[in-house]
Amino acid sequence: MIDFVGAGSGAADLITVRGKTLLEQADVIIYAGSLVNPALLDYAKPDCIIYNSAKMTLEEVLDVMIDAEAQGKHTVRLHTGDPCLYGAIREQMNVLDEKGISYAYTPGVSSFCGAAAALKAEYTLPNVSQSVIITRMEGRTPVPEGEAMRKMASHGCSMVIFLSASLLDALQEELIAGGAYSADTPAALVYKATWPDERVAHCTVGTIAQTARENNMTKTTLVCVGGFLGSEYDRSKLYDPTFSTGFRAASSHAAASVSNADTTDKD
């Protein structure tokens, strides 16, 4: 059996219970060494064989999987965050399908969730943004024409930008060119979200690149952009005493509105 496992956003204790159990049971672990916290390997049993895929090609990774399967061994392919985002797992699963090899997929906590935790932020605030765009700048790997950064930025919703730390000057220009963000729109950089050496820097769209240079934020830095980083938003209807739900009737004596300063719960 082969298990694809999301390692989580960084901290070793943010892997799922299922993911930890699979690591403990594995005979072979192939981990994305450039991004996965090596502390997760402490969960492996003493005789587990461990491979660092940062030094391997797709074909070499598949050879290890296929060989281990032929020997009746249990393999865990450990990817960073949740492998549904920039995990390059489809190409691995397709080959396993062709060869009739069984596999399963255990999700993990994505770094975009870890970034929100580091920022103590909520991406979906009432009357600010109800959508989150997760994307990346075009670099050596292209993006589809319809997903050019300025087109994504034109929506003005919350954005989390992966894999773009080396392209920040161009990124901030593209964000502004989209027309929905100004140079003063709130932004933030999160370096190695949830890792022991996590760092956060708040800035604006117009100062993203400068802030990264000043704080030495390079690889493994996420860029977050949008009004959700500001202070203005509407109270959620979910916990508003004047709003009926399937679980609670509205109170006729409740105040019609509550100021943001008094709000303690958000949807």
C-alpha atoms as a PDB file:
ATOM      1  CA  MET A   1       0.000   0.000   0.000  1.00  0.00           C
ATOM      2  CA  ILE A   2       1.114   3.543  -0.761  1.00  0.00           C
ATOM      3  CA  ASP A   3      -0.189   6.471   1.276  1.00  0.00           C
ATOM      4  CA  PHE A   4       0.123  10.054   0.112  1.00  0.00           C
ATOM      5  CA  VAL A   5       0.154  12.134   3.295  1.00  0.00           C
ATOM      6  CA  GLY A   6      -0.074  15.878   3.804  1.00  0.00           C
ATOM      7  CA  ALA A   7       2.632  16.826   6.297  1.00  0.00           C
ATOM      8  CA  GLY A   8       0.855  19.967   7.441  1.00  0.00           C
ATOM      9  CA  SER A   9       2.014  23.557   7.332  1.00  0.00           C
ATOM     10  CA  GLY A  10       5.271  23.091   9.227  1.00  0.00           C
ATOM     11  CA  ALA A  11       4.986  22.360  12.930  1.00  0.00           C
ATOM     12  CA  ALA A  12       5.482  18.641  13.582  1.00  0.00           C
ATOM     13  CA  ASP A  13       2.391  18.466  15.792  1.00  0.00           C
ATOM     14  CA  LEU A  14       0.131  19.923  13.097  1.00  0.00           C
ATOM     15  CA  ILE A  15       0.118  16.730  11.061  1.00  0.00           C
ATOM     16  CA  THR A  16      -3.222  14.926  11.321  1.00  0.00           C
ATOM     17  CA  VAL A  17      -3.623  12.014  13.732  1.00  0.00           C
ATOM     18  CA  ARG A  18      -4.079   9.723  10.713  1.00  0.00           C
ATOM     19  CA  GLY A  19      -0.957  11.085   9.059  1.00  0.00           C
ATOM     20  CA  LYS A  20       1.121  10.531  12.194  1.00  0.00           C
ATOM     21  CA  THR A  21      -0.158   6.966  12.499  1.00  0.00           C
ATOM     22  CA  LEU A  22       0.775   6.220   8.899  1.00  0.00           C
ATOM     23  CA  LEU A  23       4.294   7.591   9.437  1.00  0.00           C
ATOM     24  CA  GLU A  24       4.663   5.347  12.477  1.00  0.00           C
ATOM     25  CA  GLN A  25       3.606   2.300  10.447  1.00  0.00           C
ATOM     26  CA  ALA A  26       5.590   2.993   7.271  1.00  0.00           C
ATOM     27  CA  ASP A  27       8.387   0.734   6.058  1.00  0.00           C
ATOM     28  CA  VAL A  28       9.452   3.380   3.512  1.00  0.00           C
ATOM     29  CA  ILE A  29       9.029   7.176   3.673  1.00  0.00           C
ATOM     30  CA  ILE A  30       9.678   9.441   0.707  1.00  0.00           C
ATOM     31  CA  TYR A  31       9.497  13.031   1.946  1.00  0.00           C
ATOM     32  CA  ALA A  32       9.727  16.387   0.202  1.00  0.00           C
ATOM     33  CA  GLY A  33      12.948  17.407   1.916  1.00  0.00           C
ATOM     34  CA  SER A  34      13.050  20.965   0.627  1.00  0.00           C
ATOM     35  CA  LEU A  35       9.785  21.850   2.392  1.00  0.00           C
ATOM     36  CA  VAL A  36       8.758  19.222   4.952  1.00  0.00           C
ATOM     37  CA  ASN A  37       9.891  19.707   8.550  1.00  0.00           C
ATOM     38  CA  PRO A  38      12.430  16.904   9.204  1.00  0.00           C
ATOM     39  CA  ALA A  39      11.118  16.662  12.783  1.00  0.00           C
ATOM     40  CA  LEU A  40       8.220  14.672  11.302  1.00  0.00           C
ATOM     41  CA  LEU A  41      10.659  11.870  10.558  1.00  0.00           C
ATOM     42  CA  ASP A  42      10.999  11.317  14.295  1.00  0.00           C
ATOM     43  CA  TYR A  43       7.656   9.498  14.065  1.00  0.00           C
ATOM     44  CA  ALA A  44       9.209   6.827  11.814  1.00  0.00           C
ATOM     45  CA  LYS A  45      10.098   3.425  13.250  1.00  0.00           C
ATOM     46  CA  PRO A  46      13.831   2.649  13.604  1.00  0.00           C
ATOM     47  CA  ASP A  47      14.058   0.326  10.597  1.00  0.00           C
ATOM     48  CA  CYS A  48      12.110   2.605   8.236  1.00  0.00           C
ATOM     49  CA  ILE A  49      13.971   3.467   5.027  1.00  0.00           C
ATOM     50  CA  ILE A  50      13.800   7.206   4.328  1.00  0.00           C
ATOM     51  CA  TYR A  51      14.321   8.995   1.008  1.00  0.00           C
ATOM     52  CA  ASN A  52      14.586  12.737   0.392  1.00  0.00           C
ATOM     53  CA  SER A  53      12.705  13.477  -2.827  1.00  0.00           C
ATOM     54  CA  ALA A  54      14.312  16.922  -3.163  1.00  0.00           C
ATOM     55  CA  LYS A  55      17.255  15.060  -4.693  1.00  0.00           C
ATOM     56  CA  MET A  56      15.141  12.739  -6.851  1.00  0.00           C
ATOM     57  CA  THR A  57      13.313  12.858 -10.168  1.00  0.00           C
ATOM     58  CA  LEU A  58       9.710  11.700 -10.613  1.00  0.00           C
ATOM     59  CA  GLU A  59      10.985   8.484 -12.165  1.00  0.00           C
ATOM     60  CA  GLU A  60      13.266   7.792  -9.208  1.00  0.00           C
ATOM     61  CA  VAL A  61      10.441   8.400  -6.734  1.00  0.00           C
ATOM     62  CA  LEU A  62       8.184   6.006  -8.647  1.00  0.00           C
ATOM     63  CA  ASP A  63      10.925   3.370  -8.813  1.00  0.00           C
ATOM     64  CA  VAL A  64      11.200   3.410  -5.024  1.00  0.00           C
ATOM     65  CA  MET A  65       7.423   3.119  -4.643  1.00  0.00           C
ATOM     66  CA  ILE A  66       7.119   0.279  -7.149  1.00  0.00           C
ATOM     67  CA  ASP A  67      10.067  -1.625  -5.680  1.00  0.00           C
ATOM     68  CA  ALA A  68       8.724  -1.275  -2.135  1.00  0.00           C
ATOM     69  CA  GLU A  69       5.294  -2.455  -3.286  1.00  0.00           C
ATOM     70  CA  ALA A  70       6.851  -5.518  -4.933  1.00  0.00           C
ATOM     71  CA  GLN A  71       8.439  -6.364  -1.580  1.00  0.00           C
ATOM     72  CA  GLY A  72       5.154  -5.996   0.260  1.00  0.00           C
ATOM     73  CA  LYS A  73       6.272  -2.871   2.099  1.00  0.00           C
ATOM     74  CA  HIS A  74       4.116   0.045   3.193  1.00  0.00           C
ATOM     75  CA  THR A  75       5.217   3.364   1.658  1.00  0.00           C
ATOM     76  CA  VAL A  76       4.318   6.880   2.798  1.00  0.00           C
ATOM     77  CA  ARG A  77       4.838   9.685   0.296  1.00  0.00           C
ATOM     78  CA  LEU A  78       5.040  12.723   2.570  1.00  0.00           C
ATOM     79  CA  HIS A  79       4.215  16.026   0.908  1.00  0.00           C
ATOM     80  CA  THR A  80       4.257  19.523   2.356  1.00  0.00           C
ATOM     81  CA  GLY A  81       1.027  21.153   3.556  1.00  0.00           C
ATOM     82  CA  ASP A  82      -1.845  19.525   1.723  1.00  0.00           C
ATOM     83  CA  PRO A  83      -0.604  17.981  -1.522  1.00  0.00           C
ATOM     84  CA  CYS A  84      -3.694  19.146  -3.422  1.00  0.00           C
ATOM     85  CA  LEU A  85      -1.929  22.520  -3.707  1.00  0.00           C
ATOM     86  CA  TYR A  86       1.239  22.511  -5.832  1.00  0.00           C
ATOM     87  CA  GLY A  87       1.972  18.957  -4.703  1.00  0.00           C
ATOM     88  CA  ALA A  88       2.600  17.340  -8.105  1.00  0.00           C
ATOM     89  CA  ILE A  89       0.768  14.211  -6.935  1.00  0.00           C
ATOM     90  CA  ARG A  90      -1.483  13.665  -9.953  1.00  0.00           C
ATOM     91  CA  GLU A  91       1.441  12.514 -12.091  1.00  0.00           C
ATOM     92  CA  GLN A  92       2.442  10.002  -9.411  1.00  0.00           C
ATOM     93  CA  MET A  93      -1.069   8.646  -8.937  1.00  0.00           C
ATOM     94  CA  ASN A  94      -1.606   8.262 -12.679  1.00  0.00           C
ATOM     95  CA  VAL A  95       1.423   5.961 -12.980  1.00  0.00           C
ATOM     96  CA  LEU A  96       0.278   3.931  -9.975  1.00  0.00           C
ATOM     97  CA  ASP A  97      -3.145   3.598 -11.597  1.00  0.00           C
ATOM     98  CA  GLU A  98      -1.529   2.331 -14.793  1.00  0.00           C
ATOM     99  CA  LYS A  99       0.383  -0.302 -12.836  1.00  0.00           C
ATOM    100  CA  GLY A 100      -2.605  -1.330 -10.735  1.00  0.00           C
ATOM    101  CA  ILE A 101      -0.968  -0.280  -7.464  1.00  0.00           C
ATOM    102  CA  SER A 102      -3.314   0.740  -4.660  1.00  0.00           C
ATOM    103  CA  TYR A 103      -2.877   4.039  -2.861  1.00  0.00           C
ATOM    104  CA  ALA A 104      -4.743   6.373  -0.532  1.00  0.00           C
ATOM    105  CA  TYR A 105      -4.562  10.093   0.161  1.00  0.00           C
ATOM    106  CA  THR A 106      -4.566  11.688   3.623  1.00  0.00           C
ATOM    107  CA  PRO A 107      -5.048  15.484   3.565  1.00  0.00           C
ATOM    108  CA  GLY A 108      -3.029  17.908   5.630  1.00  0.00           C
ATOM    109  CA  VAL A 109      -3.174  21.465   6.940  1.00  0.00           C
ATOM    110  CA  SER A 110      -2.126  23.779   4.110  1.00  0.00           C
ATOM    111  CA  SER A 111       0.323  26.592   4.745  1.00  0.00           C
ATOM    112  CA  PHE A 112      -2.340  29.110   3.683  1.00  0.00           C
ATOM    113  CA  CYS A 113      -4.227  28.023   6.814  1.00  0.00           C
ATOM    114  CA  GLY A 114      -1.019  28.296   8.823  1.00  0.00           C
ATOM    115  CA  ALA A 115      -0.489  31.807   7.471  1.00  0.00           C
ATOM    116  CA  ALA A 116      -3.952  32.895   8.634  1.00  0.00           C
ATOM    117  CA  ALA A 117      -3.147  31.523  12.088  1.00  0.00           C
ATOM    118  CA  ALA A 118       0.165  33.394  12.143  1.00  0.00           C
ATOM    119  CA  LEU A 119      -1.623  36.603  11.150  1.00  0.00           C
ATOM    120  CA  LYS A 120      -4.528  35.956  13.542  1.00  0.00           C
ATOM    121  CA  ALA A 121      -6.711  36.712  10.544  1.00  0.00           C
ATOM    122  CA  GLU A 122      -9.877  35.500   8.833  1.00  0.00           C
ATOM    123  CA  TYR A 123      -9.923  35.459   5.038  1.00  0.00           C
ATOM    124  CA  THR A 124     -13.702  35.644   4.696  1.00  0.00           C
ATOM    125  CA  LEU A 125     -15.062  38.675   6.521  1.00  0.00           C
ATOM    126  CA  PRO A 126     -18.641  39.893   5.943  1.00  0.00           C
ATOM    127  CA  ASN A 127     -18.810  42.839   3.528  1.00  0.00           C
ATOM    128  CA  VAL A 128     -15.039  42.590   2.902  1.00  0.00           C
ATOM    129  CA  SER A 129     -14.432  39.334   1.070  1.00  0.00           C
ATOM    130  CA  GLN A 130     -16.241  36.021   0.805  1.00  0.00           C
ATOM    131  CA  SER A 131     -13.730  34.422  -1.538  1.00  0.00           C
ATOM    132  CA  VAL A 132     -10.069  33.426  -1.364  1.00  0.00           C
ATOM    133  CA  ILE A 133      -7.838  33.154  -4.420  1.00  0.00           C
ATOM    134  CA  ILE A 134      -4.838  30.862  -4.029  1.00  0.00           C
ATOM    135  CA  THR A 135      -2.419  31.386  -6.879  1.00  0.00           C
ATOM    136  CA  ARG A 136       1.183  32.021  -7.892  1.00  0.00           C
ATOM    137  CA  MET A 137       3.199  34.291 -10.143  1.00  0.00           C
ATOM    138  CA  GLU A 138       4.338  33.010 -13.497  1.00  0.00           C
ATOM    139  CA  GLY A 139       8.021  32.149 -13.401  1.00  0.00           C
ATOM    140  CA  ARG A 140       9.867  29.256 -14.985  1.00  0.00           C
ATOM    141  CA  THR A 141       6.588  27.373 -14.682  1.00  0.00           C
ATOM    142  CA  PRO A 142       3.888  29.170 -16.702  1.00  0.00           C
ATOM    143  CA  VAL A 143       0.303  29.766 -15.633  1.00  0.00           C
ATOM    144  CA  PRO A 144      -2.747  29.609 -17.932  1.00  0.00           C
ATOM    145  CA  GLU A 145      -3.401  32.896 -19.728  1.00  0.00           C
ATOM    146  CA  GLY A 146      -6.689  33.418 -17.919  1.00  0.00           C
ATOM    147  CA  GLU A 147      -4.924  33.132 -14.562  1.00  0.00           C
ATOM    148  CA  ALA A 148      -2.403  35.928 -15.050  1.00  0.00           C
ATOM    149  CA  MET A 149      -1.817  37.708 -11.745  1.00  0.00           C
ATOM    150  CA  ARG A 150      -3.441  40.988 -12.781  1.00  0.00           C
ATOM    151  CA  LYS A 151      -6.583  39.091 -13.801  1.00  0.00           C
ATOM    152  CA  MET A 152      -6.698  37.277 -10.477  1.00  0.00           C
ATOM    153  CA  ALA A 153      -6.120  40.568  -8.652  1.00  0.00           C
ATOM    154  CA  SER A 154      -8.956  42.274 -10.513  1.00  0.00           C
ATOM    155  CA  HIS A 155     -11.489  40.571  -8.232  1.00  0.00           C
ATOM    156  CA  GLY A 156     -10.250  42.409  -5.140  1.00  0.00           C
ATOM    157  CA  CYS A 157     -10.958  39.487  -2.820  1.00  0.00           C
ATOM    158  CA  SER A 158      -8.588  37.893  -0.318  1.00  0.00           C
ATOM    159  CA  MET A 159      -5.501  36.439  -1.984  1.00  0.00           C
ATOM    160  CA  VAL A 160      -2.766  34.056  -0.856  1.00  0.00           C
ATOM    161  CA  ILE A 161       0.154  33.874  -3.246  1.00  0.00           C
ATOM    162  CA  PHE A 162       2.465  30.869  -3.225  1.00  0.00           C
ATOM    163  CA  LEU A 163       5.844  30.233  -4.844  1.00  0.00           C
ATOM    164  CA  SER A 164       6.537  33.860  -5.704  1.00  0.00           C
ATOM    165  CA  ALA A 165       9.089  35.101  -3.168  1.00  0.00           C
ATOM    166  CA  SER A 166      11.702  35.689  -5.871  1.00  0.00           C
ATOM    167  CA  LEU A 167       9.290  37.732  -8.017  1.00  0.00           C
ATOM    168  CA  LEU A 168       7.942  40.273  -5.552  1.00  0.00           C
ATOM    169  CA  ASP A 169       8.748  43.458  -7.490  1.00  0.00           C
ATOM    170  CA  ALA A 170       6.811  42.134 -10.469  1.00  0.00           C
ATOM    171  CA  LEU A 171       4.116  40.751  -8.186  1.00  0.00           C
ATOM    172  CA  GLN A 172       3.246  44.071  -6.590  1.00  0.00           C
ATOM    173  CA  GLU A 173       3.113  45.739  -9.995  1.00  0.00           C
ATOM    174  CA  GLU A 174       0.717  43.059 -11.262  1.00  0.00           C
ATOM    175  CA  LEU A 175      -1.478  43.321  -8.169  1.00  0.00           C
ATOM    176  CA  ILE A 176      -1.903  47.064  -8.680  1.00  0.00           C
ATOM    177  CA  ALA A 177      -2.393  46.629 -12.444  1.00  0.00           C
ATOM    178  CA  GLY A 178      -5.440  44.482 -11.696  1.00  0.00           C
ATOM    179  CA  GLY A 179      -7.275  47.652 -10.685  1.00  0.00           C
ATOM    180  CA  ALA A 180      -8.955  46.423  -7.498  1.00  0.00           C
ATOM    181  CA  TYR A 181      -6.003  46.947  -5.151  1.00  0.00           C
ATOM    182  CA  SER A 182      -4.132  50.193  -4.591  1.00  0.00           C
ATOM    183  CA  ALA A 183      -0.584  50.624  -3.359  1.00  0.00           C
ATOM    184  CA  ASP A 184      -2.095  51.203   0.106  1.00  0.00           C
ATOM    185  CA  THR A 185      -4.099  47.953   0.215  1.00  0.00           C
ATOM    186  CA  PRO A 186      -3.074  45.890   3.261  1.00  0.00           C
ATOM    187  CA  ALA A 187      -0.715  42.986   2.682  1.00  0.00           C
ATOM    188  CA  ALA A 188       1.429  40.676   4.771  1.00  0.00           C
ATOM    189  CA  LEU A 189       4.341  38.294   4.355  1.00  0.00           C
ATOM    190  CA  VAL A 190       4.491  35.048   6.308  1.00  0.00           C
ATOM    191  CA  TYR A 191       7.800  33.206   6.321  1.00  0.00           C
ATOM    192  CA  LYS A 192       7.650  29.474   7.181  1.00  0.00           C
ATOM    193  CA  ALA A 193       4.166  29.545   8.672  1.00  0.00           C
ATOM    194  CA  THR A 194       3.888  27.466  11.886  1.00  0.00           C
ATOM    195  CA  TRP A 195       7.567  26.443  11.838  1.00  0.00           C
ATOM    196  CA  PRO A 196       9.640  27.257  14.943  1.00  0.00           C
ATOM    197  CA  ASP A 197      11.314  30.114  13.022  1.00  0.00           C
ATOM    198  CA  GLU A 198       8.078  31.573  11.630  1.00  0.00           C
ATOM    199  CA  ARG A 199       8.147  35.314  10.941  1.00  0.00           C
ATOM    200  CA  VAL A 200       5.407  37.773   9.968  1.00  0.00           C
ATOM    201  CA  ALA A 201       5.712  41.210   8.398  1.00  0.00           C
ATOM    202  CA  HIS A 202       2.732  43.479   7.720  1.00  0.00           C
ATOM    203  CA  CYS A 203       2.988  45.896   4.809  1.00  0.00           C
ATOM    204  CA  THR A 204       0.988  47.239   1.874  1.00  0.00           C
ATOM    205  CA  VAL A 205       0.742  46.076  -1.720  1.00  0.00           C
ATOM    206  CA  GLY A 206       3.116  48.857  -2.732  1.00  0.00           C
ATOM    207  CA  THR A 207       5.791  47.808  -0.214  1.00  0.00           C
ATOM    208  CA  ILE A 208       5.735  44.019  -0.547  1.00  0.00           C
ATOM    209  CA  ALA A 209       9.149  43.704  -2.212  1.00  0.00           C
ATOM    210  CA  GLN A 210      10.833  46.268   0.030  1.00  0.00           C
ATOM    211  CA  THR A 211       9.429  44.611   3.160  1.00  0.00           C
ATOM    212  CA  ALA A 212      10.680  41.201   2.046  1.00  0.00           C
ATOM    213  CA  ARG A 213      14.183  42.559   1.466  1.00  0.00           C
ATOM    214  CA  GLU A 214      14.258  44.381   4.788  1.00  0.00           C
ATOM    215  CA  ASN A 215      13.178  41.243   6.644  1.00  0.00           C
ATOM    216  CA  ASN A 216      15.209  38.753   4.588  1.00  0.00           C
ATOM    217  CA  MET A 217      12.091  36.824   3.582  1.00  0.00           C
ATOM    218  CA  THR A 218      12.956  34.667   0.614  1.00  0.00           C
ATOM    219  CA  LYS A 219      11.880  31.087  -0.031  1.00  0.00           C
ATOM    220  CA  THR A 220       8.885  29.543   1.787  1.00  0.00           C
ATOM    221  CA  THR A 221       7.254  32.966   2.144  1.00  0.00           C
ATOM    222  CA  LEU A 222       3.540  33.393   1.458  1.00  0.00           C
ATOM    223  CA  VAL A 223       2.116  36.743   0.364  1.00  0.00           C
ATOM    224  CA  CYS A 224      -1.337  37.611   1.698  1.00  0.00           C
ATOM    225  CA  VAL A 225      -3.291  40.512   0.227  1.00  0.00           C
ATOM    226  CA  GLY A 226      -6.673  42.087   0.811  1.00  0.00           C
ATOM    227  CA  GLY A 227      -9.030  44.054   2.987  1.00  0.00           C
ATOM    228  CA  PHE A 228      -9.288  41.150   5.430  1.00  0.00           C
ATOM    229  CA  LEU A 229      -6.009  42.456   6.865  1.00  0.00           C
ATOM    230  CA  GLY A 230      -7.663  45.795   7.675  1.00  0.00           C
ATOM    231  CA  SER A 231      -9.849  46.706  10.620  1.00  0.00           C
ATOM    232  CA  GLU A 232     -13.235  47.253   8.933  1.00  0.00           C
ATOM    233  CA  TYR A 233     -15.838  44.508   8.557  1.00  0.00           C
ATOM    234  CA  ASP A 234     -19.468  43.740   9.362  1.00  0.00           C
ATOM    235  CA  ARG A 235     -20.594  41.507  12.180  1.00  0.00           C
ATOM    236  CA  SER A 236     -21.535  37.985  11.106  1.00  0.00           C
ATOM    237  CA  LYS A 237     -25.252  37.208  10.939  1.00  0.00           C
ATOM    238  CA  LEU A 238     -24.613  33.722  12.306  1.00  0.00           C
ATOM    239  CA  TYR A 239     -24.275  34.917  15.900  1.00  0.00           C
ATOM    240  CA  ASP A 240     -26.375  38.079  15.617  1.00  0.00           C
ATOM    241  CA  PRO A 241     -29.237  37.894  18.169  1.00  0.00           C
ATOM    242  CA  THR A 242     -31.584  39.595  15.678  1.00  0.00           C
ATOM    243  CA  PHE A 243     -31.014  36.854  13.056  1.00  0.00           C
ATOM    244  CA  SER A 244     -32.983  33.594  13.072  1.00  0.00           C
ATOM    245  CA  THR A 245     -31.288  30.308  12.208  1.00  0.00           C
ATOM    246  CA  GLY A 246     -32.398  26.698  12.093  1.00  0.00           C
ATOM    247  CA  PHE A 247     -31.105  26.352  15.649  1.00  0.00           C
ATOM    248  CA  ARG A 248     -32.110  29.669  17.258  1.00  0.00           C
ATOM    249  CA  ALA A 249     -34.990  32.131  16.992  1.00  0.00           C
ATOM    250  CA  ALA A 250     -34.265  35.851  16.749  1.00  0.00           C
ATOM    251  CA  SER A 251     -34.695  37.814  19.959  1.00  0.00           C
ATOM    252  CA  SER A 252     -37.215  40.656  19.723  1.00  0.00           C
ATOM    253  CA  HIS A 253     -35.405  42.437  22.532  1.00  0.00           C
ATOM    254  CA  ALA A 254     -31.937  42.225  20.991  1.00  0.00           C
ATOM    255  CA  ALA A 255     -30.100  45.325  19.915  1.00  0.00           C
ATOM    256  CA  ALA A 256     -30.385  46.005  16.205  1.00  0.00           C
ATOM    257  CA  SER A 257     -26.634  46.242  15.766  1.00  0.00           C
ATOM    258  CA  VAL A 258     -23.432  45.677  17.643  1.00  0.00           C
ATOM    259  CA  SER A 259     -20.262  47.632  16.971  1.00  0.00           C
ATOM    260  CA  ASN A 260     -17.129  45.852  15.796  1.00  0.00           C
ATOM    261  CA  ALA A 261     -15.476  46.846  19.038  1.00  0.00           C
ATOM    262  CA  ASP A 262     -17.956  44.653  20.942  1.00  0.00           C
ATOM    263  CA  THR A 263     -17.720  41.688  18.577  1.00  0.00           C
ATOM    264  CA  THR A 264     -15.998  38.593  19.950  1.00  0.00           C
ATOM    265  CA  ASP A 265     -17.217  35.926  17.503  1.00  0.00           C
ATOM    266  CA  LYS A 266     -16.884  35.911  13.742  1.00  0.00           C
ATOM    267  CA  ASP A 267     -18.332  33.532  11.188  1.00  0.00           C
END
